[in-house]
Amino acid sequence: MQPEQALQRLTSAGLIEREGTGWVTTDKWERALMKAEVRMVEFAEGVDDPRLPISYALVDVFGARLPEDDLEALIDAMVPLEMHEEGELELEEEEAP
């Protein structure tokens, strides 16, 4: 899956939306991410890899049958967006996935 396809799939699922020339996450995404983080407390406390809760949230939204390559592409699209929204990464408009 190409980056543009990943963004389209995330948009179709209601997880991200356009804002100006960039992307922002939606309330639906924030709920899925929060749910994933709550489940992770039991076994992944102290893990500081943003990809882990993102991957759990994506599997929760798209299902466990999501092909690994597609999951990786979706994670690659979501990580910089989520880090930007958390104030951990500054994105230039042309750098945004």
PDB file of N, CA and C in Angstrom:
ATOM      1  N   MET A   1       0.850  -1.172   0.000  1.00  0.00           N
ATOM      2  CA  MET A   1       0.000   0.000   0.000  1.00  0.00           C
ATOM      3  C   MET A   1       0.896   1.235   0.000  1.00  0.00           C
ATOM      4  N   GLN A   2       0.628   2.115  -0.931  1.00  0.00           N
ATOM      5  CA  GLN A   2       1.368   3.363  -1.046  1.00  0.00           C
ATOM      6  C   GLN A   2       0.890   4.350   0.027  1.00  0.00           C
ATOM      7  N   PRO A   3       1.729   5.337   0.396  1.00  0.00           N
ATOM      8  CA  PRO A   3       1.322   6.309   1.415  1.00  0.00           C
ATOM      9  C   PRO A   3      -0.010   7.000   1.110  1.00  0.00           C
ATOM     10  N   GLU A   4      -0.236   7.354  -0.155  1.00  0.00           N
ATOM     11  CA  GLU A   4      -1.494   8.003  -0.514  1.00  0.00           C
ATOM     12  C   GLU A   4      -2.680   7.075  -0.283  1.00  0.00           C
ATOM     13  N   GLN A   5      -2.495   5.787  -0.564  1.00  0.00           N
ATOM     14  CA  GLN A   5      -3.554   4.798  -0.339  1.00  0.00           C
ATOM     15  C   GLN A   5      -3.829   4.645   1.156  1.00  0.00           C
ATOM     16  N   ALA A   6      -2.769   4.683   1.960  1.00  0.00           N
ATOM     17  CA  ALA A   6      -2.935   4.580   3.409  1.00  0.00           C
ATOM     18  C   ALA A   6      -3.748   5.765   3.926  1.00  0.00           C
ATOM     19  N   LEU A   7      -3.426   6.957   3.455  1.00  0.00           N
ATOM     20  CA  LEU A   7      -4.169   8.143   3.875  1.00  0.00           C
ATOM     21  C   LEU A   7      -5.635   8.049   3.446  1.00  0.00           C
ATOM     22  N   GLN A   8      -5.874   7.556   2.245  1.00  0.00           N
ATOM     23  CA  GLN A   8      -7.248   7.400   1.771  1.00  0.00           C
ATOM     24  C   GLN A   8      -8.001   6.391   2.630  1.00  0.00           C
ATOM     25  N   ARG A   9      -7.353   5.308   2.985  1.00  0.00           N
ATOM     26  CA  ARG A   9      -8.007   4.292   3.810  1.00  0.00           C
ATOM     27  C   ARG A   9      -8.307   4.829   5.205  1.00  0.00           C
ATOM     28  N   LEU A  10      -7.373   5.572   5.770  1.00  0.00           N
ATOM     29  CA  LEU A  10      -7.590   6.178   7.085  1.00  0.00           C
ATOM     30  C   LEU A  10      -8.707   7.207   7.037  1.00  0.00           C
ATOM     31  N   THR A  11      -8.777   7.964   5.936  1.00  0.00           N
ATOM     32  CA  THR A  11      -9.843   8.943   5.762  1.00  0.00           C
ATOM     33  C   THR A  11     -11.191   8.248   5.619  1.00  0.00           C
ATOM     34  N   SER A  12     -11.240   7.218   4.796  1.00  0.00           N
ATOM     35  CA  SER A  12     -12.490   6.476   4.586  1.00  0.00           C
ATOM     36  C   SER A  12     -13.009   5.861   5.876  1.00  0.00           C
ATOM     37  N   ALA A  13     -12.081   5.467   6.753  1.00  0.00           N
ATOM     38  CA  ALA A  13     -12.459   4.869   8.037  1.00  0.00           C
ATOM     39  C   ALA A  13     -12.847   5.929   9.066  1.00  0.00           C
ATOM     40  N   GLY A  14     -12.679   7.203   8.713  1.00  0.00           N
ATOM     41  CA  GLY A  14     -13.037   8.273   9.628  1.00  0.00           C
ATOM     42  C   GLY A  14     -12.015   8.527  10.718  1.00  0.00           C
ATOM     43  N   LEU A  15     -10.759   8.121  10.482  1.00  0.00           N
ATOM     44  CA  LEU A  15      -9.718   8.277  11.497  1.00  0.00           C
ATOM     45  C   LEU A  15      -8.917   9.566  11.343  1.00  0.00           C
ATOM     46  N   ILE A  16      -8.846  10.079  10.114  1.00  0.00           N
ATOM     47  CA  ILE A  16      -8.163  11.344   9.851  1.00  0.00           C
ATOM     48  C   ILE A  16      -9.024  12.156   8.897  1.00  0.00           C
ATOM     49  N   GLU A  17      -8.734  13.455   8.858  1.00  0.00           N
ATOM     50  CA  GLU A  17      -9.424  14.324   7.911  1.00  0.00           C
ATOM     51  C   GLU A  17      -8.505  15.467   7.530  1.00  0.00           C
ATOM     52  N   ARG A  18      -8.810  16.049   6.396  1.00  0.00           N
ATOM     53  CA  ARG A  18      -8.035  17.194   5.914  1.00  0.00           C
ATOM     54  C   ARG A  18      -8.329  18.417   6.762  1.00  0.00           C
ATOM     55  N   GLU A  19      -7.272  19.165   7.032  1.00  0.00           N
ATOM     56  CA  GLU A  19      -7.406  20.476   7.658  1.00  0.00           C
ATOM     57  C   GLU A  19      -6.414  21.377   6.956  1.00  0.00           C
ATOM     58  N   GLY A  20      -6.928  22.263   6.130  1.00  0.00           N
ATOM     59  CA  GLY A  20      -6.046  23.088   5.313  1.00  0.00           C
ATOM     60  C   GLY A  20      -5.307  22.201   4.331  1.00  0.00           C
ATOM     61  N   THR A  21      -3.993  22.290   4.355  1.00  0.00           N
ATOM     62  CA  THR A  21      -3.195  21.446   3.464  1.00  0.00           C
ATOM     63  C   THR A  21      -2.613  20.249   4.192  1.00  0.00           C
ATOM     64  N   GLY A  22      -2.994  20.053   5.452  1.00  0.00           N
ATOM     65  CA  GLY A  22      -2.477  18.943   6.235  1.00  0.00           C
ATOM     66  C   GLY A  22      -3.575  17.979   6.659  1.00  0.00           C
ATOM     67  N   TRP A  23      -3.252  17.136   7.596  1.00  0.00           N
ATOM     68  CA  TRP A  23      -4.165  16.118   8.113  1.00  0.00           C
ATOM     69  C   TRP A  23      -4.254  16.243   9.622  1.00  0.00           C
ATOM     70  N   VAL A  24      -5.403  15.915  10.177  1.00  0.00           N
ATOM     71  CA  VAL A  24      -5.586  15.845  11.621  1.00  0.00           C
ATOM     72  C   VAL A  24      -6.337  14.562  11.940  1.00  0.00           C
ATOM     73  N   THR A  25      -6.132  14.077  13.156  1.00  0.00           N
ATOM     74  CA  THR A  25      -6.864  12.891  13.586  1.00  0.00           C
ATOM     75  C   THR A  25      -8.253  13.311  14.071  1.00  0.00           C
ATOM     76  N   THR A  26      -9.160  12.358  14.048  1.00  0.00           N
ATOM     77  CA  THR A  26     -10.547  12.625  14.431  1.00  0.00           C
ATOM     78  C   THR A  26     -10.827  12.108  15.840  1.00  0.00           C
ATOM     79  N   ASP A  27     -11.995  12.441  16.342  1.00  0.00           N
ATOM     80  CA  ASP A  27     -12.419  11.913  17.639  1.00  0.00           C
ATOM     81  C   ASP A  27     -12.494  10.400  17.609  1.00  0.00           C
ATOM     82  N   LYS A  28     -12.913   9.839  16.481  1.00  0.00           N
ATOM     83  CA  LYS A  28     -12.977   8.376  16.360  1.00  0.00           C
ATOM     84  C   LYS A  28     -11.595   7.772  16.572  1.00  0.00           C
ATOM     85  N   TRP A  29     -10.561   8.399  15.980  1.00  0.00           N
ATOM     86  CA  TRP A  29      -9.198   7.897  16.166  1.00  0.00           C
ATOM     87  C   TRP A  29      -8.777   8.030  17.630  1.00  0.00           C
ATOM     88  N   GLU A  30      -9.052   9.165  18.219  1.00  0.00           N
ATOM     89  CA  GLU A  30      -8.652   9.388  19.614  1.00  0.00           C
ATOM     90  C   GLU A  30      -9.294   8.356  20.544  1.00  0.00           C
ATOM     91  N   ARG A  31     -10.557   8.012  20.297  1.00  0.00           N
ATOM     92  CA  ARG A  31     -11.213   6.974  21.104  1.00  0.00           C
ATOM     93  C   ARG A  31     -10.549   5.612  20.899  1.00  0.00           C
ATOM     94  N   ALA A  32     -10.238   5.274  19.648  1.00  0.00           N
ATOM     95  CA  ALA A  32      -9.584   3.990  19.366  1.00  0.00           C
ATOM     96  C   ALA A  32      -8.208   3.931  20.016  1.00  0.00           C
ATOM     97  N   LEU A  33      -7.471   5.030  19.972  1.00  0.00           N
ATOM     98  CA  LEU A  33      -6.135   5.075  20.566  1.00  0.00           C
ATOM     99  C   LEU A  33      -6.221   4.982  22.086  1.00  0.00           C
ATOM    100  N   MET A  34      -7.175   5.673  22.678  1.00  0.00           N
ATOM    101  CA  MET A  34      -7.337   5.617  24.126  1.00  0.00           C
ATOM    102  C   MET A  34      -7.687   4.193  24.572  1.00  0.00           C
ATOM    103  N   LYS A  35      -8.562   3.546  23.838  1.00  0.00           N
ATOM    104  CA  LYS A  35      -8.938   2.164  24.146  1.00  0.00           C
ATOM    105  C   LYS A  35      -7.715   1.247  24.074  1.00  0.00           C
ATOM    106  N   ALA A  36      -6.889   1.434  23.060  1.00  0.00           N
ATOM    107  CA  ALA A  36      -5.674   0.629  22.915  1.00  0.00           C
ATOM    108  C   ALA A  36      -4.711   0.878  24.068  1.00  0.00           C
ATOM    109  N   GLU A  37      -4.559   2.134  24.463  1.00  0.00           N
ATOM    110  CA  GLU A  37      -3.640   2.459  25.561  1.00  0.00           C
ATOM    111  C   GLU A  37      -4.120   1.867  26.875  1.00  0.00           C
ATOM    112  N   VAL A  38      -5.418   1.837  27.104  1.00  0.00           N
ATOM    113  CA  VAL A  38      -5.960   1.239  28.325  1.00  0.00           C
ATOM    114  C   VAL A  38      -5.659  -0.254  28.344  1.00  0.00           C
ATOM    115  N   ARG A  39      -5.863  -0.926  27.220  1.00  0.00           N
ATOM    116  CA  ARG A  39      -5.577  -2.369  27.156  1.00  0.00           C
ATOM    117  C   ARG A  39      -4.097  -2.654  27.341  1.00  0.00           C
ATOM    118  N   MET A  40      -3.247  -1.753  26.881  1.00  0.00           N
ATOM    119  CA  MET A  40      -1.803  -1.975  26.972  1.00  0.00           C
ATOM    120  C   MET A  40      -1.268  -1.841  28.385  1.00  0.00           C
ATOM    121  N   VAL A  41      -1.958  -1.148  29.257  1.00  0.00           N
ATOM    122  CA  VAL A  41      -1.483  -0.929  30.617  1.00  0.00           C
ATOM    123  C   VAL A  41      -1.168  -2.265  31.293  1.00  0.00           C
ATOM    124  N   GLU A  42      -1.940  -3.277  30.973  1.00  0.00           N
ATOM    125  CA  GLU A  42      -1.765  -4.579  31.604  1.00  0.00           C
ATOM    126  C   GLU A  42      -0.438  -5.247  31.272  1.00  0.00           C
ATOM    127  N   PHE A  43       0.101  -5.027  30.078  1.00  0.00           N
ATOM    128  CA  PHE A  43       1.276  -5.785  29.682  1.00  0.00           C
ATOM    129  C   PHE A  43       2.412  -4.962  29.083  1.00  0.00           C
ATOM    130  N   ALA A  44       2.193  -3.716  28.785  1.00  0.00           N
ATOM    131  CA  ALA A  44       3.224  -2.932  28.105  1.00  0.00           C
ATOM    132  C   ALA A  44       3.540  -1.633  28.825  1.00  0.00           C
ATOM    133  N   GLU A  45       3.330  -1.600  30.119  1.00  0.00           N
ATOM    134  CA  GLU A  45       3.621  -0.385  30.873  1.00  0.00           C
ATOM    135  C   GLU A  45       5.099  -0.054  30.748  1.00  0.00           C
ATOM    136  N   GLY A  46       5.385   1.194  30.502  1.00  0.00           N
ATOM    137  CA  GLY A  46       6.768   1.640  30.377  1.00  0.00           C
ATOM    138  C   GLY A  46       7.315   1.564  28.963  1.00  0.00           C
ATOM    139  N   VAL A  47       6.581   0.964  28.039  1.00  0.00           N
ATOM    140  CA  VAL A  47       7.017   0.912  26.649  1.00  0.00           C
ATOM    141  C   VAL A  47       6.777   2.285  26.040  1.00  0.00           C
ATOM    142  N   ASP A  48       7.824   2.863  25.475  1.00  0.00           N
ATOM    143  CA  ASP A  48       7.721   4.228  24.962  1.00  0.00           C
ATOM    144  C   ASP A  48       7.861   4.260  23.441  1.00  0.00           C
ATOM    145  N   ASP A  49       7.196   3.343  22.774  1.00  0.00           N
ATOM    146  CA  ASP A  49       7.220   3.283  21.325  1.00  0.00           C
ATOM    147  C   ASP A  49       5.831   3.665  20.824  1.00  0.00           C
ATOM    148  N   PRO A  50       5.693   4.818  20.162  1.00  0.00           N
ATOM    149  CA  PRO A  50       4.361   5.264  19.744  1.00  0.00           C
ATOM    150  C   PRO A  50       3.692   4.321  18.750  1.00  0.00           C
ATOM    151  N   ARG A  51       4.477   3.479  18.099  1.00  0.00           N
ATOM    152  CA  ARG A  51       3.889   2.555  17.122  1.00  0.00           C
ATOM    153  C   ARG A  51       3.029   1.482  17.775  1.00  0.00           C
ATOM    154  N   LEU A  52       3.330   1.129  19.030  1.00  0.00           N
ATOM    155  CA  LEU A  52       2.596   0.046  19.684  1.00  0.00           C
ATOM    156  C   LEU A  52       1.121   0.393  19.910  1.00  0.00           C
ATOM    157  N   PRO A  53       0.780   1.486  20.590  1.00  0.00           N
ATOM    158  CA  PRO A  53      -0.647   1.780  20.744  1.00  0.00           C
ATOM    159  C   PRO A  53      -1.324   2.087  19.409  1.00  0.00           C
ATOM    160  N   ILE A  54      -0.588   2.689  18.487  1.00  0.00           N
ATOM    161  CA  ILE A  54      -1.153   2.971  17.169  1.00  0.00           C
ATOM    162  C   ILE A  54      -1.501   1.675  16.456  1.00  0.00           C
ATOM    163  N   SER A  55      -0.600   0.693  16.521  1.00  0.00           N
ATOM    164  CA  SER A  55      -0.882  -0.582  15.856  1.00  0.00           C
ATOM    165  C   SER A  55      -2.078  -1.283  16.490  1.00  0.00           C
ATOM    166  N   TYR A  56      -2.179  -1.258  17.810  1.00  0.00           N
ATOM    167  CA  TYR A  56      -3.337  -1.866  18.481  1.00  0.00           C
ATOM    168  C   TYR A  56      -4.635  -1.171  18.077  1.00  0.00           C
ATOM    169  N   ALA A  57      -4.608   0.142  18.013  1.00  0.00           N
ATOM    170  CA  ALA A  57      -5.807   0.884  17.627  1.00  0.00           C
ATOM    171  C   ALA A  57      -6.202   0.569  16.190  1.00  0.00           C
ATOM    172  N   LEU A  58      -5.230   0.479  15.295  1.00  0.00           N
ATOM    173  CA  LEU A  58      -5.537   0.172  13.901  1.00  0.00           C
ATOM    174  C   LEU A  58      -6.104  -1.236  13.742  1.00  0.00           C
ATOM    175  N   VAL A  59      -5.541  -2.191  14.450  1.00  0.00           N
ATOM    176  CA  VAL A  59      -6.073  -3.560  14.385  1.00  0.00           C
ATOM    177  C   VAL A  59      -7.485  -3.588  14.952  1.00  0.00           C
ATOM    178  N   ASP A  60      -7.724  -2.806  15.989  1.00  0.00           N
ATOM    179  CA  ASP A  60      -9.064  -2.745  16.562  1.00  0.00           C
ATOM    180  C   ASP A  60     -10.062  -2.188  15.549  1.00  0.00           C
ATOM    181  N   VAL A  61      -9.655  -1.188  14.788  1.00  0.00           N
ATOM    182  CA  VAL A  61     -10.544  -0.564  13.805  1.00  0.00           C
ATOM    183  C   VAL A  61     -10.706  -1.436  12.559  1.00  0.00           C
ATOM    184  N   PHE A  62      -9.598  -1.941  12.021  1.00  0.00           N
ATOM    185  CA  PHE A  62      -9.634  -2.648  10.741  1.00  0.00           C
ATOM    186  C   PHE A  62      -9.735  -4.170  10.864  1.00  0.00           C
ATOM    187  N   GLY A  63      -9.476  -4.696  12.039  1.00  0.00           N
ATOM    188  CA  GLY A  63      -9.583  -6.139  12.233  1.00  0.00           C
ATOM    189  C   GLY A  63      -8.237  -6.837  12.145  1.00  0.00           C
ATOM    190  N   ALA A  64      -8.172  -7.997  12.762  1.00  0.00           N
ATOM    191  CA  ALA A  64      -6.925  -8.761  12.846  1.00  0.00           C
ATOM    192  C   ALA A  64      -6.508  -9.368  11.511  1.00  0.00           C
ATOM    193  N   ARG A  65      -7.394  -9.387  10.552  1.00  0.00           N
ATOM    194  CA  ARG A  65      -7.060  -9.961   9.238  1.00  0.00           C
ATOM    195  C   ARG A  65      -6.403  -8.950   8.306  1.00  0.00           C
ATOM    196  N   LEU A  66      -6.160  -7.759   8.800  1.00  0.00           N
ATOM    197  CA  LEU A  66      -5.485  -6.735   8.011  1.00  0.00           C
ATOM    198  C   LEU A  66      -4.093  -7.251   7.635  1.00  0.00           C
ATOM    199  N   PRO A  67      -3.767  -7.289   6.339  1.00  0.00           N
ATOM    200  CA  PRO A  67      -2.447  -7.768   5.937  1.00  0.00           C
ATOM    201  C   PRO A  67      -1.327  -6.958   6.607  1.00  0.00           C
ATOM    202  N   GLU A  68      -0.252  -7.645   6.942  1.00  0.00           N
ATOM    203  CA  GLU A  68       0.855  -7.011   7.658  1.00  0.00           C
ATOM    204  C   GLU A  68       1.416  -5.809   6.900  1.00  0.00           C
ATOM    205  N   ASP A  69       1.553  -5.925   5.581  1.00  0.00           N
ATOM    206  CA  ASP A  69       2.070  -4.800   4.791  1.00  0.00           C
ATOM    207  C   ASP A  69       1.143  -3.590   4.864  1.00  0.00           C
ATOM    208  N   ASP A  70      -0.162  -3.845   4.850  1.00  0.00           N
ATOM    209  CA  ASP A  70      -1.125  -2.745   4.964  1.00  0.00           C
ATOM    210  C   ASP A  70      -1.049  -2.113   6.349  1.00  0.00           C
ATOM    211  N   LEU A  71      -0.944  -2.952   7.376  1.00  0.00           N
ATOM    212  CA  LEU A  71      -0.821  -2.438   8.740  1.00  0.00           C
ATOM    213  C   LEU A  71       0.412  -1.555   8.865  1.00  0.00           C
ATOM    214  N   GLU A  72       1.525  -1.995   8.315  1.00  0.00           N
ATOM    215  CA  GLU A  72       2.756  -1.205   8.373  1.00  0.00           C
ATOM    216  C   GLU A  72       2.581   0.139   7.674  1.00  0.00           C
ATOM    217  N   ALA A  73       1.914   0.143   6.531  1.00  0.00           N
ATOM    218  CA  ALA A  73       1.698   1.398   5.802  1.00  0.00           C
ATOM    219  C   ALA A  73       0.796   2.342   6.601  1.00  0.00           C
ATOM    220  N   LEU A  74      -0.233   1.795   7.233  1.00  0.00           N
ATOM    221  CA  LEU A  74      -1.131   2.619   8.048  1.00  0.00           C
ATOM    222  C   LEU A  74      -0.407   3.171   9.277  1.00  0.00           C
ATOM    223  N   ILE A  75       0.429   2.347   9.896  1.00  0.00           N
ATOM    224  CA  ILE A  75       1.229   2.805  11.042  1.00  0.00           C
ATOM    225  C   ILE A  75       2.163   3.923  10.596  1.00  0.00           C
ATOM    226  N   ASP A  76       2.840   3.723   9.460  1.00  0.00           N
ATOM    227  CA  ASP A  76       3.763   4.743   8.950  1.00  0.00           C
ATOM    228  C   ASP A  76       3.047   6.064   8.683  1.00  0.00           C
ATOM    229  N   ALA A  77       1.788   6.000   8.281  1.00  0.00           N
ATOM    230  CA  ALA A  77       1.025   7.223   8.036  1.00  0.00           C
ATOM    231  C   ALA A  77       0.581   7.880   9.341  1.00  0.00           C
ATOM    232  N   MET A  78       0.224   7.059  10.338  1.00  0.00           N
ATOM    233  CA  MET A  78      -0.331   7.603  11.577  1.00  0.00           C
ATOM    234  C   MET A  78       0.718   8.118  12.563  1.00  0.00           C
ATOM    235  N   VAL A  79       1.886   7.506  12.613  1.00  0.00           N
ATOM    236  CA  VAL A  79       2.888   7.893  13.614  1.00  0.00           C
ATOM    237  C   VAL A  79       3.232   9.379  13.539  1.00  0.00           C
ATOM    238  N   PRO A  80       3.612   9.921  12.373  1.00  0.00           N
ATOM    239  CA  PRO A  80       3.953  11.353  12.373  1.00  0.00           C
ATOM    240  C   PRO A  80       2.755  12.249  12.687  1.00  0.00           C
ATOM    241  N   LEU A  81       1.558  11.847  12.271  1.00  0.00           N
ATOM    242  CA  LEU A  81       0.372  12.653  12.586  1.00  0.00           C
ATOM    243  C   LEU A  81       0.114  12.681  14.081  1.00  0.00           C
ATOM    244  N   GLU A  82       0.205  11.527  14.699  1.00  0.00           N
ATOM    245  CA  GLU A  82      -0.043  11.443  16.143  1.00  0.00           C
ATOM    246  C   GLU A  82       1.045  12.176  16.926  1.00  0.00           C
ATOM    247  N   MET A  83       2.293  12.012  16.524  1.00  0.00           N
ATOM    248  CA  MET A  83       3.386  12.704  17.212  1.00  0.00           C
ATOM    249  C   MET A  83       3.253  14.213  17.051  1.00  0.00           C
ATOM    250  N   HIS A  84       2.811  14.658  15.886  1.00  0.00           N
ATOM    251  CA  HIS A  84       2.602  16.088  15.665  1.00  0.00           C
ATOM    252  C   HIS A  84       1.496  16.613  16.580  1.00  0.00           C
ATOM    253  N   GLU A  85       0.401  15.869  16.684  1.00  0.00           N
ATOM    254  CA  GLU A  85      -0.704  16.315  17.528  1.00  0.00           C
ATOM    255  C   GLU A  85      -0.329  16.305  19.008  1.00  0.00           C
ATOM    256  N   GLU A  86       0.611  15.453  19.386  1.00  0.00           N
ATOM    257  CA  GLU A  86       1.073  15.415  20.774  1.00  0.00           C
ATOM    258  C   GLU A  86       2.150  16.465  21.032  1.00  0.00           C
ATOM    259  N   GLY A  87       2.536  17.210  19.999  1.00  0.00           N
ATOM    260  CA  GLY A  87       3.548  18.246  20.152  1.00  0.00           C
ATOM    261  C   GLY A  87       4.963  17.711  20.167  1.00  0.00           C
ATOM    262  N   GLU A  88       5.143  16.469  19.724  1.00  0.00           N
ATOM    263  CA  GLU A  88       6.464  15.841  19.747  1.00  0.00           C
ATOM    264  C   GLU A  88       7.190  15.933  18.414  1.00  0.00           C
ATOM    265  N   LEU A  89       6.495  16.408  17.392  1.00  0.00           N
ATOM    266  CA  LEU A  89       7.084  16.475  16.058  1.00  0.00           C
ATOM    267  C   LEU A  89       6.484  17.659  15.328  1.00  0.00           C
ATOM    268  N   GLU A  90       7.338  18.469  14.730  1.00  0.00           N
ATOM    269  CA  GLU A  90       6.875  19.604  13.938  1.00  0.00           C
ATOM    270  C   GLU A  90       6.923  19.183  12.478  1.00  0.00           C
ATOM    271  N   LEU A  91       5.784  19.249  11.817  1.00  0.00           N
ATOM    272  CA  LEU A  91       5.697  18.855  10.407  1.00  0.00           C
ATOM    273  C   LEU A  91       5.588  20.087   9.539  1.00  0.00           C
ATOM    274  N   GLU A  92       6.373  20.105   8.488  1.00  0.00           N
ATOM    275  CA  GLU A  92       6.169  21.089   7.437  1.00  0.00           C
ATOM    276  C   GLU A  92       5.037  20.550   6.593  1.00  0.00           C
ATOM    277  N   GLU A  93       4.260  21.411   5.988  1.00  0.00           N
ATOM    278  CA  GLU A  93       3.099  20.967   5.212  1.00  0.00           C
ATOM    279  C   GLU A  93       3.494  19.926   4.169  1.00  0.00           C
ATOM    280  N   GLU A  94       4.621  20.122   3.481  1.00  0.00           N
ATOM    281  CA  GLU A  94       5.013  19.166   2.449  1.00  0.00           C
ATOM    282  C   GLU A  94       5.572  17.877   3.035  1.00  0.00           C
ATOM    283  N   GLU A  95       5.926  17.876   4.327  1.00  0.00           N
ATOM    284  CA  GLU A  95       6.431  16.663   4.975  1.00  0.00           C
ATOM    285  C   GLU A  95       5.304  15.769   5.466  1.00  0.00           C
ATOM    286  N   ALA A  96       4.141  16.331   5.658  1.00  0.00           N
ATOM    287  CA  ALA A  96       3.040  15.547   6.197  1.00  0.00           C
ATOM    288  C   ALA A  96       2.738  14.388   5.260  1.00  0.00           C
ATOM    289  N   PRO A  97       2.484  13.225   5.854  1.00  0.00           N
ATOM    290  CA  PRO A  97       2.229  12.053   5.008  1.00  0.00           C
ATOM    291  C   PRO A  97       1.004  12.239   4.134  1.00  0.00           C
TER     292      PRO A  97
END
